[in-house]
Amino acid sequence: MVWGEVTDEIKHKGYGLAHIIDKHPDFYVKMIDEIVEKGEVKKSHNGFNIIYKDYRLGLNEGWNEKGQKIGNNKWVVTAFEKI
């Protein structure tokens, strides 16, 4: 997982762990390991979600740069607790 960056603090845009902490400040980021290890992978409209208890971790394939998909590796794009 990459640290990433927050690209817009007002609209909470960015990528990586920095984005998750910015957008979901109450999310306990150490849960990510447990979500990946114990969760169930489900296909979503734009990638995959790993679901564990009330937690969701979003994965996308490749890197999207200016609307162009680059590569086919998997990226964690978000993580949060469903309320």
PDB file of N, CA and C in Angstrom:
ATOM      1  N   MET A   1       0.848  -1.167   0.000  1.00  0.00           N
ATOM      2  CA  MET A   1       0.000   0.000   0.000  1.00  0.00           C
ATOM      3  C   MET A   1       0.894   1.231   0.000  1.00  0.00           C
ATOM      4  N   VAL A   2       0.536   2.192  -0.821  1.00  0.00           N
ATOM      5  CA  VAL A   2       1.328   3.421  -0.917  1.00  0.00           C
ATOM      6  C   VAL A   2       0.798   4.475   0.042  1.00  0.00           C
ATOM      7  N   TRP A   3       1.685   5.367   0.488  1.00  0.00           N
ATOM      8  CA  TRP A   3       1.251   6.482   1.325  1.00  0.00           C
ATOM      9  C   TRP A   3       0.354   7.397   0.496  1.00  0.00           C
ATOM     10  N   GLY A   4       0.734   7.704  -0.733  1.00  0.00           N
ATOM     11  CA  GLY A   4      -0.074   8.549  -1.604  1.00  0.00           C
ATOM     12  C   GLY A   4      -0.021  10.006  -1.197  1.00  0.00           C
ATOM     13  N   GLU A   5      -1.106  10.707  -1.520  1.00  0.00           N
ATOM     14  CA  GLU A   5      -1.177  12.120  -1.163  1.00  0.00           C
ATOM     15  C   GLU A   5      -2.618  12.595  -1.206  1.00  0.00           C
ATOM     16  N   VAL A   6      -2.867  13.677  -0.491  1.00  0.00           N
ATOM     17  CA  VAL A   6      -4.156  14.357  -0.549  1.00  0.00           C
ATOM     18  C   VAL A   6      -3.994  15.448  -1.593  1.00  0.00           C
ATOM     19  N   THR A   7      -4.791  15.389  -2.652  1.00  0.00           N
ATOM     20  CA  THR A   7      -4.660  16.362  -3.736  1.00  0.00           C
ATOM     21  C   THR A   7      -5.629  17.529  -3.589  1.00  0.00           C
ATOM     22  N   ASP A   8      -6.667  17.368  -2.776  1.00  0.00           N
ATOM     23  CA  ASP A   8      -7.634  18.441  -2.522  1.00  0.00           C
ATOM     24  C   ASP A   8      -8.205  18.244  -1.125  1.00  0.00           C
ATOM     25  N   GLU A   9      -7.710  19.031  -0.163  1.00  0.00           N
ATOM     26  CA  GLU A   9      -8.145  18.888   1.227  1.00  0.00           C
ATOM     27  C   GLU A   9      -9.599  19.290   1.432  1.00  0.00           C
ATOM     28  N   ILE A  10     -10.113  20.190   0.626  1.00  0.00           N
ATOM     29  CA  ILE A  10     -11.500  20.641   0.762  1.00  0.00           C
ATOM     30  C   ILE A  10     -12.467  19.547   0.309  1.00  0.00           C
ATOM     31  N   LYS A  11     -12.208  18.963  -0.857  1.00  0.00           N
ATOM     32  CA  LYS A  11     -13.096  17.928  -1.410  1.00  0.00           C
ATOM     33  C   LYS A  11     -12.660  16.515  -1.022  1.00  0.00           C
ATOM     34  N   HIS A  12     -11.597  16.409  -0.221  1.00  0.00           N
ATOM     35  CA  HIS A  12     -11.072  15.117   0.241  1.00  0.00           C
ATOM     36  C   HIS A  12     -10.746  14.193  -0.928  1.00  0.00           C
ATOM     37  N   LYS A  13      -9.992  14.698  -1.879  1.00  0.00           N
ATOM     38  CA  LYS A  13      -9.550  13.918  -3.036  1.00  0.00           C
ATOM     39  C   LYS A  13      -8.090  13.530  -2.854  1.00  0.00           C
ATOM     40  N   GLY A  14      -7.711  12.420  -3.444  1.00  0.00           N
ATOM     41  CA  GLY A  14      -6.336  11.964  -3.374  1.00  0.00           C
ATOM     42  C   GLY A  14      -6.277  10.470  -3.561  1.00  0.00           C
ATOM     43  N   TYR A  15      -5.216   9.862  -3.055  1.00  0.00           N
ATOM     44  CA  TYR A  15      -5.060   8.420  -3.200  1.00  0.00           C
ATOM     45  C   TYR A  15      -4.179   7.891  -2.080  1.00  0.00           C
ATOM     46  N   GLY A  16      -4.250   6.600  -1.865  1.00  0.00           N
ATOM     47  CA  GLY A  16      -3.419   5.930  -0.884  1.00  0.00           C
ATOM     48  C   GLY A  16      -3.874   6.150   0.550  1.00  0.00           C
ATOM     49  N   LEU A  17      -3.001   5.770   1.470  1.00  0.00           N
ATOM     50  CA  LEU A  17      -3.305   5.866   2.889  1.00  0.00           C
ATOM     51  C   LEU A  17      -3.544   7.310   3.316  1.00  0.00           C
ATOM     52  N   ALA A  18      -2.821   8.252   2.745  1.00  0.00           N
ATOM     53  CA  ALA A  18      -3.025   9.665   3.076  1.00  0.00           C
ATOM     54  C   ALA A  18      -4.463  10.082   2.787  1.00  0.00           C
ATOM     55  N   HIS A  19      -5.006   9.629   1.668  1.00  0.00           N
ATOM     56  CA  HIS A  19      -6.388   9.945   1.284  1.00  0.00           C
ATOM     57  C   HIS A  19      -7.384   9.306   2.253  1.00  0.00           C
ATOM     58  N   ILE A  20      -7.151   8.047   2.623  1.00  0.00           N
ATOM     59  CA  ILE A  20      -8.065   7.358   3.539  1.00  0.00           C
ATOM     60  C   ILE A  20      -8.117   8.087   4.879  1.00  0.00           C
ATOM     61  N   ILE A  21      -6.961   8.468   5.410  1.00  0.00           N
ATOM     62  CA  ILE A  21      -6.910   9.176   6.693  1.00  0.00           C
ATOM     63  C   ILE A  21      -7.588  10.533   6.581  1.00  0.00           C
ATOM     64  N   ASP A  22      -7.402  11.233   5.467  1.00  0.00           N
ATOM     65  CA  ASP A  22      -8.028  12.540   5.268  1.00  0.00           C
ATOM     66  C   ASP A  22      -9.545  12.425   5.161  1.00  0.00           C
ATOM     67  N   LYS A  23     -10.028  11.491   4.367  1.00  0.00           N
ATOM     68  CA  LYS A  23     -11.468  11.391   4.106  1.00  0.00           C
ATOM     69  C   LYS A  23     -12.223  10.700   5.236  1.00  0.00           C
ATOM     70  N   HIS A  24     -11.581   9.751   5.898  1.00  0.00           N
ATOM     71  CA  HIS A  24     -12.227   8.985   6.972  1.00  0.00           C
ATOM     72  C   HIS A  24     -11.353   9.051   8.228  1.00  0.00           C
ATOM     73  N   PRO A  25     -11.278  10.222   8.896  1.00  0.00           N
ATOM     74  CA  PRO A  25     -10.344  10.384  10.017  1.00  0.00           C
ATOM     75  C   PRO A  25     -10.629   9.466  11.206  1.00  0.00           C
ATOM     76  N   ASP A  26     -11.840   8.972  11.341  1.00  0.00           N
ATOM     77  CA  ASP A  26     -12.165   8.085  12.458  1.00  0.00           C
ATOM     78  C   ASP A  26     -11.888   6.616  12.145  1.00  0.00           C
ATOM     79  N   PHE A  27     -11.509   6.310  10.913  1.00  0.00           N
ATOM     80  CA  PHE A  27     -11.234   4.929  10.525  1.00  0.00           C
ATOM     81  C   PHE A  27      -9.923   4.470  11.148  1.00  0.00           C
ATOM     82  N   TYR A  28      -9.947   3.323  11.776  1.00  0.00           N
ATOM     83  CA  TYR A  28      -8.761   2.742  12.405  1.00  0.00           C
ATOM     84  C   TYR A  28      -7.963   2.012  11.329  1.00  0.00           C
ATOM     85  N   VAL A  29      -6.932   2.661  10.791  1.00  0.00           N
ATOM     86  CA  VAL A  29      -6.220   2.140   9.620  1.00  0.00           C
ATOM     87  C   VAL A  29      -5.543   0.794   9.861  1.00  0.00           C
ATOM     88  N   LYS A  30      -5.271   0.459  11.096  1.00  0.00           N
ATOM     89  CA  LYS A  30      -4.659  -0.844  11.374  1.00  0.00           C
ATOM     90  C   LYS A  30      -5.632  -1.986  11.099  1.00  0.00           C
ATOM     91  N   MET A  31      -6.909  -1.676  10.873  1.00  0.00           N
ATOM     92  CA  MET A  31      -7.909  -2.684  10.511  1.00  0.00           C
ATOM     93  C   MET A  31      -7.707  -3.188   9.089  1.00  0.00           C
ATOM     94  N   ILE A  32      -6.971  -2.470   8.265  1.00  0.00           N
ATOM     95  CA  ILE A  32      -6.807  -2.848   6.860  1.00  0.00           C
ATOM     96  C   ILE A  32      -6.251  -4.266   6.737  1.00  0.00           C
ATOM     97  N   ASP A  33      -5.244  -4.601   7.532  1.00  0.00           N
ATOM     98  CA  ASP A  33      -4.687  -5.962   7.485  1.00  0.00           C
ATOM     99  C   ASP A  33      -5.751  -7.010   7.779  1.00  0.00           C
ATOM    100  N   GLU A  34      -6.555  -6.765   8.814  1.00  0.00           N
ATOM    101  CA  GLU A  34      -7.589  -7.727   9.204  1.00  0.00           C
ATOM    102  C   GLU A  34      -8.683  -7.831   8.145  1.00  0.00           C
ATOM    103  N   ILE A  35      -9.048  -6.713   7.547  1.00  0.00           N
ATOM    104  CA  ILE A  35     -10.064  -6.723   6.488  1.00  0.00           C
ATOM    105  C   ILE A  35      -9.580  -7.574   5.316  1.00  0.00           C
ATOM    106  N   VAL A  36      -8.333  -7.376   4.900  1.00  0.00           N
ATOM    107  CA  VAL A  36      -7.779  -8.136   3.779  1.00  0.00           C
ATOM    108  C   VAL A  36      -7.688  -9.621   4.131  1.00  0.00           C
ATOM    109  N   GLU A  37      -7.228  -9.915   5.329  1.00  0.00           N
ATOM    110  CA  GLU A  37      -7.021 -11.307   5.737  1.00  0.00           C
ATOM    111  C   GLU A  37      -8.329 -12.076   5.912  1.00  0.00           C
ATOM    112  N   LYS A  38      -9.337 -11.433   6.504  1.00  0.00           N
ATOM    113  CA  LYS A  38     -10.552 -12.154   6.887  1.00  0.00           C
ATOM    114  C   LYS A  38     -11.777 -11.818   6.042  1.00  0.00           C
ATOM    115  N   GLY A  39     -11.656 -10.826   5.187  1.00  0.00           N
ATOM    116  CA  GLY A  39     -12.815 -10.362   4.436  1.00  0.00           C
ATOM    117  C   GLY A  39     -13.157 -11.206   3.222  1.00  0.00           C
ATOM    118  N   GLU A  40     -14.317 -10.901   2.661  1.00  0.00           N
ATOM    119  CA  GLU A  40     -14.819 -11.579   1.462  1.00  0.00           C
ATOM    120  C   GLU A  40     -14.730 -10.617   0.281  1.00  0.00           C
ATOM    121  N   VAL A  41     -14.141 -11.085  -0.811  1.00  0.00           N
ATOM    122  CA  VAL A  41     -13.975 -10.256  -2.006  1.00  0.00           C
ATOM    123  C   VAL A  41     -15.254 -10.310  -2.836  1.00  0.00           C
ATOM    124  N   LYS A  42     -15.760  -9.122  -3.197  1.00  0.00           N
ATOM    125  CA  LYS A  42     -16.953  -9.032  -4.040  1.00  0.00           C
ATOM    126  C   LYS A  42     -16.687  -8.056  -5.174  1.00  0.00           C
ATOM    127  N   LYS A  43     -17.147  -8.413  -6.366  1.00  0.00           N
ATOM    128  CA  LYS A  43     -17.015  -7.546  -7.547  1.00  0.00           C
ATOM    129  C   LYS A  43     -17.886  -6.316  -7.352  1.00  0.00           C
ATOM    130  N   SER A  44     -17.380  -5.165  -7.715  1.00  0.00           N
ATOM    131  CA  SER A  44     -18.162  -3.928  -7.686  1.00  0.00           C
ATOM    132  C   SER A  44     -18.207  -3.347  -9.097  1.00  0.00           C
ATOM    133  N   HIS A  45     -18.890  -2.241  -9.266  1.00  0.00           N
ATOM    134  CA  HIS A  45     -19.033  -1.646 -10.601  1.00  0.00           C
ATOM    135  C   HIS A  45     -17.707  -1.159 -11.184  1.00  0.00           C
ATOM    136  N   ASN A  46     -16.733  -0.852 -10.337  1.00  0.00           N
ATOM    137  CA  ASN A  46     -15.473  -0.314 -10.857  1.00  0.00           C
ATOM    138  C   ASN A  46     -14.234  -1.023 -10.308  1.00  0.00           C
ATOM    139  N   GLY A  47     -14.407  -2.223  -9.789  1.00  0.00           N
ATOM    140  CA  GLY A  47     -13.274  -2.958  -9.234  1.00  0.00           C
ATOM    141  C   GLY A  47     -13.766  -4.045  -8.307  1.00  0.00           C
ATOM    142  N   PHE A  48     -13.231  -4.048  -7.098  1.00  0.00           N
ATOM    143  CA  PHE A  48     -13.609  -5.041  -6.101  1.00  0.00           C
ATOM    144  C   PHE A  48     -13.713  -4.378  -4.739  1.00  0.00           C
ATOM    145  N   ASN A  49     -14.512  -4.969  -3.873  1.00  0.00           N
ATOM    146  CA  ASN A  49     -14.570  -4.580  -2.474  1.00  0.00           C
ATOM    147  C   ASN A  49     -14.210  -5.792  -1.643  1.00  0.00           C
ATOM    148  N   ILE A  50     -13.503  -5.563  -0.561  1.00  0.00           N
ATOM    149  CA  ILE A  50     -13.297  -6.604   0.432  1.00  0.00           C
ATOM    150  C   ILE A  50     -14.161  -6.198   1.614  1.00  0.00           C
ATOM    151  N   ILE A  51     -15.072  -7.080   2.001  1.00  0.00           N
ATOM    152  CA  ILE A  51     -16.037  -6.771   3.049  1.00  0.00           C
ATOM    153  C   ILE A  51     -15.763  -7.662   4.251  1.00  0.00           C
ATOM    154  N   TYR A  52     -15.634  -7.028   5.411  1.00  0.00           N
ATOM    155  CA  TYR A  52     -15.425  -7.753   6.662  1.00  0.00           C
ATOM    156  C   TYR A  52     -16.189  -7.023   7.755  1.00  0.00           C
ATOM    157  N   LYS A  53     -17.156  -7.707   8.343  1.00  0.00           N
ATOM    158  CA  LYS A  53     -18.040  -7.103   9.345  1.00  0.00           C
ATOM    159  C   LYS A  53     -18.647  -5.851   8.721  1.00  0.00           C
ATOM    160  N   ASP A  54     -18.488  -4.700   9.354  1.00  0.00           N
ATOM    161  CA  ASP A  54     -19.039  -3.450   8.816  1.00  0.00           C
ATOM    162  C   ASP A  54     -18.001  -2.637   8.050  1.00  0.00           C
ATOM    163  N   TYR A  55     -16.884  -3.244   7.703  1.00  0.00           N
ATOM    164  CA  TYR A  55     -15.804  -2.535   7.024  1.00  0.00           C
ATOM    165  C   TYR A  55     -15.797  -2.834   5.533  1.00  0.00           C
ATOM    166  N   ARG A  56     -15.427  -1.838   4.758  1.00  0.00           N
ATOM    167  CA  ARG A  56     -15.295  -1.969   3.310  1.00  0.00           C
ATOM    168  C   ARG A  56     -13.919  -1.455   2.904  1.00  0.00           C
ATOM    169  N   LEU A  57     -13.288  -2.200   2.020  1.00  0.00           N
ATOM    170  CA  LEU A  57     -12.016  -1.776   1.463  1.00  0.00           C
ATOM    171  C   LEU A  57     -12.160  -1.872  -0.047  1.00  0.00           C
ATOM    172  N   GLY A  58     -12.003  -0.758  -0.739  1.00  0.00           N
ATOM    173  CA  GLY A  58     -12.185  -0.719  -2.187  1.00  0.00           C
ATOM    174  C   GLY A  58     -10.883  -0.921  -2.923  1.00  0.00           C
ATOM    175  N   LEU A  59     -10.913  -1.768  -3.954  1.00  0.00           N
ATOM    176  CA  LEU A  59      -9.742  -2.040  -4.789  1.00  0.00           C
ATOM    177  C   LEU A  59     -10.064  -1.710  -6.238  1.00  0.00           C
ATOM    178  N   ASN A  60      -9.139  -1.098  -6.918  1.00  0.00           N
ATOM    179  CA  ASN A  60      -9.246  -0.889  -8.358  1.00  0.00           C
ATOM    180  C   ASN A  60      -8.057  -1.542  -9.027  1.00  0.00           C
ATOM    181  N   GLU A  61      -8.207  -1.839 -10.296  1.00  0.00           N
ATOM    182  CA  GLU A  61      -7.115  -2.439 -11.057  1.00  0.00           C
ATOM    183  C   GLU A  61      -6.434  -1.361 -11.884  1.00  0.00           C
ATOM    184  N   GLY A  62      -5.110  -1.358 -11.840  1.00  0.00           N
ATOM    185  CA  GLY A  62      -4.357  -0.379 -12.613  1.00  0.00           C
ATOM    186  C   GLY A  62      -4.375   0.994 -11.974  1.00  0.00           C
ATOM    187  N   TRP A  63      -3.715   1.890 -12.594  1.00  0.00           N
ATOM    188  CA  TRP A  63      -3.619   3.278 -12.136  1.00  0.00           C
ATOM    189  C   TRP A  63      -4.310   4.144 -13.168  1.00  0.00           C
ATOM    190  N   ASN A  64      -5.210   5.004 -12.739  1.00  0.00           N
ATOM    191  CA  ASN A  64      -5.944   5.868 -13.652  1.00  0.00           C
ATOM    192  C   ASN A  64      -5.283   7.241 -13.672  1.00  0.00           C
ATOM    193  N   GLU A  65      -4.694   7.562 -14.798  1.00  0.00           N
ATOM    194  CA  GLU A  65      -4.055   8.869 -14.942  1.00  0.00           C
ATOM    195  C   GLU A  65      -4.678   9.599 -16.118  1.00  0.00           C
ATOM    196  N   LYS A  66      -5.385  10.684 -15.808  1.00  0.00           N
ATOM    197  CA  LYS A  66      -6.050  11.493 -16.837  1.00  0.00           C
ATOM    198  C   LYS A  66      -6.981  10.647 -17.699  1.00  0.00           C
ATOM    199  N   GLY A  67      -7.717   9.738 -17.049  1.00  0.00           N
ATOM    200  CA  GLY A  67      -8.685   8.910 -17.753  1.00  0.00           C
ATOM    201  C   GLY A  67      -8.108   7.705 -18.454  1.00  0.00           C
ATOM    202  N   GLN A  68      -6.805   7.496 -18.344  1.00  0.00           N
ATOM    203  CA  GLN A  68      -6.131   6.383 -19.008  1.00  0.00           C
ATOM    204  C   GLN A  68      -5.680   5.360 -17.971  1.00  0.00           C
ATOM    205  N   LYS A  69      -6.129   4.105 -18.119  1.00  0.00           N
ATOM    206  CA  LYS A  69      -5.715   3.042 -17.208  1.00  0.00           C
ATOM    207  C   LYS A  69      -4.302   2.590 -17.560  1.00  0.00           C
ATOM    208  N   ILE A  70      -3.443   2.559 -16.548  1.00  0.00           N
ATOM    209  CA  ILE A  70      -2.056   2.160 -16.736  1.00  0.00           C
ATOM    210  C   ILE A  70      -1.792   0.939 -15.852  1.00  0.00           C
ATOM    211  N   GLY A  71      -1.400  -0.185 -16.432  1.00  0.00           N
ATOM    212  CA  GLY A  71      -1.053  -1.382 -15.673  1.00  0.00           C
ATOM    213  C   GLY A  71      -2.259  -2.182 -15.227  1.00  0.00           C
ATOM    214  N   ASN A  72      -1.990  -3.301 -14.556  1.00  0.00           N
ATOM    215  CA  ASN A  72      -3.080  -4.146 -14.085  1.00  0.00           C
ATOM    216  C   ASN A  72      -2.877  -4.590 -12.641  1.00  0.00           C
ATOM    217  N   ASN A  73      -2.016  -3.871 -11.904  1.00  0.00           N
ATOM    218  CA  ASN A  73      -1.852  -4.199 -10.498  1.00  0.00           C
ATOM    219  C   ASN A  73      -3.078  -3.726  -9.711  1.00  0.00           C
ATOM    220  N   LYS A  74      -3.208  -4.148  -8.466  1.00  0.00           N
ATOM    221  CA  LYS A  74      -4.378  -3.806  -7.647  1.00  0.00           C
ATOM    222  C   LYS A  74      -4.014  -2.687  -6.684  1.00  0.00           C
ATOM    223  N   TRP A  75      -4.901  -1.721  -6.555  1.00  0.00           N
ATOM    224  CA  TRP A  75      -4.691  -0.575  -5.680  1.00  0.00           C
ATOM    225  C   TRP A  75      -5.814  -0.479  -4.661  1.00  0.00           C
ATOM    226  N   VAL A  76      -5.458  -0.241  -3.406  1.00  0.00           N
ATOM    227  CA  VAL A  76      -6.462   0.093  -2.399  1.00  0.00           C
ATOM    228  C   VAL A  76      -6.819   1.548  -2.631  1.00  0.00           C
ATOM    229  N   VAL A  77      -8.095   1.806  -2.904  1.00  0.00           N
ATOM    230  CA  VAL A  77      -8.502   3.174  -3.193  1.00  0.00           C
ATOM    231  C   VAL A  77      -9.289   3.807  -2.061  1.00  0.00           C
ATOM    232  N   THR A  78      -9.899   2.995  -1.205  1.00  0.00           N
ATOM    233  CA  THR A  78     -10.604   3.540  -0.059  1.00  0.00           C
ATOM    234  C   THR A  78     -10.805   2.453   0.977  1.00  0.00           C
ATOM    235  N   ALA A  79     -11.054   2.873   2.195  1.00  0.00           N
ATOM    236  CA  ALA A  79     -11.387   1.953   3.278  1.00  0.00           C
ATOM    237  C   ALA A  79     -12.212   2.739   4.283  1.00  0.00           C
ATOM    238  N   PHE A  80     -13.287   2.137   4.765  1.00  0.00           N
ATOM    239  CA  PHE A  80     -14.144   2.833   5.716  1.00  0.00           C
ATOM    240  C   PHE A  80     -15.023   1.848   6.455  1.00  0.00           C
ATOM    241  N   GLU A  81     -15.591   2.325   7.560  1.00  0.00           N
ATOM    242  CA  GLU A  81     -16.558   1.535   8.311  1.00  0.00           C
ATOM    243  C   GLU A  81     -17.943   1.983   7.889  1.00  0.00           C
ATOM    244  N   LYS A  82     -18.767   1.037   7.470  1.00  0.00           N
ATOM    245  CA  LYS A  82     -20.133   1.342   7.054  1.00  0.00           C
ATOM    246  C   LYS A  82     -20.958   1.632   8.301  1.00  0.00           C
ATOM    247  N   ILE A  83     -21.620   2.754   8.296  1.00  0.00           N
ATOM    248  CA  ILE A  83     -22.414   3.160   9.465  1.00  0.00           C
ATOM    249  C   ILE A  83     -23.881   2.957   9.194  1.00  0.00           C
TER     250      ILE A  83
END
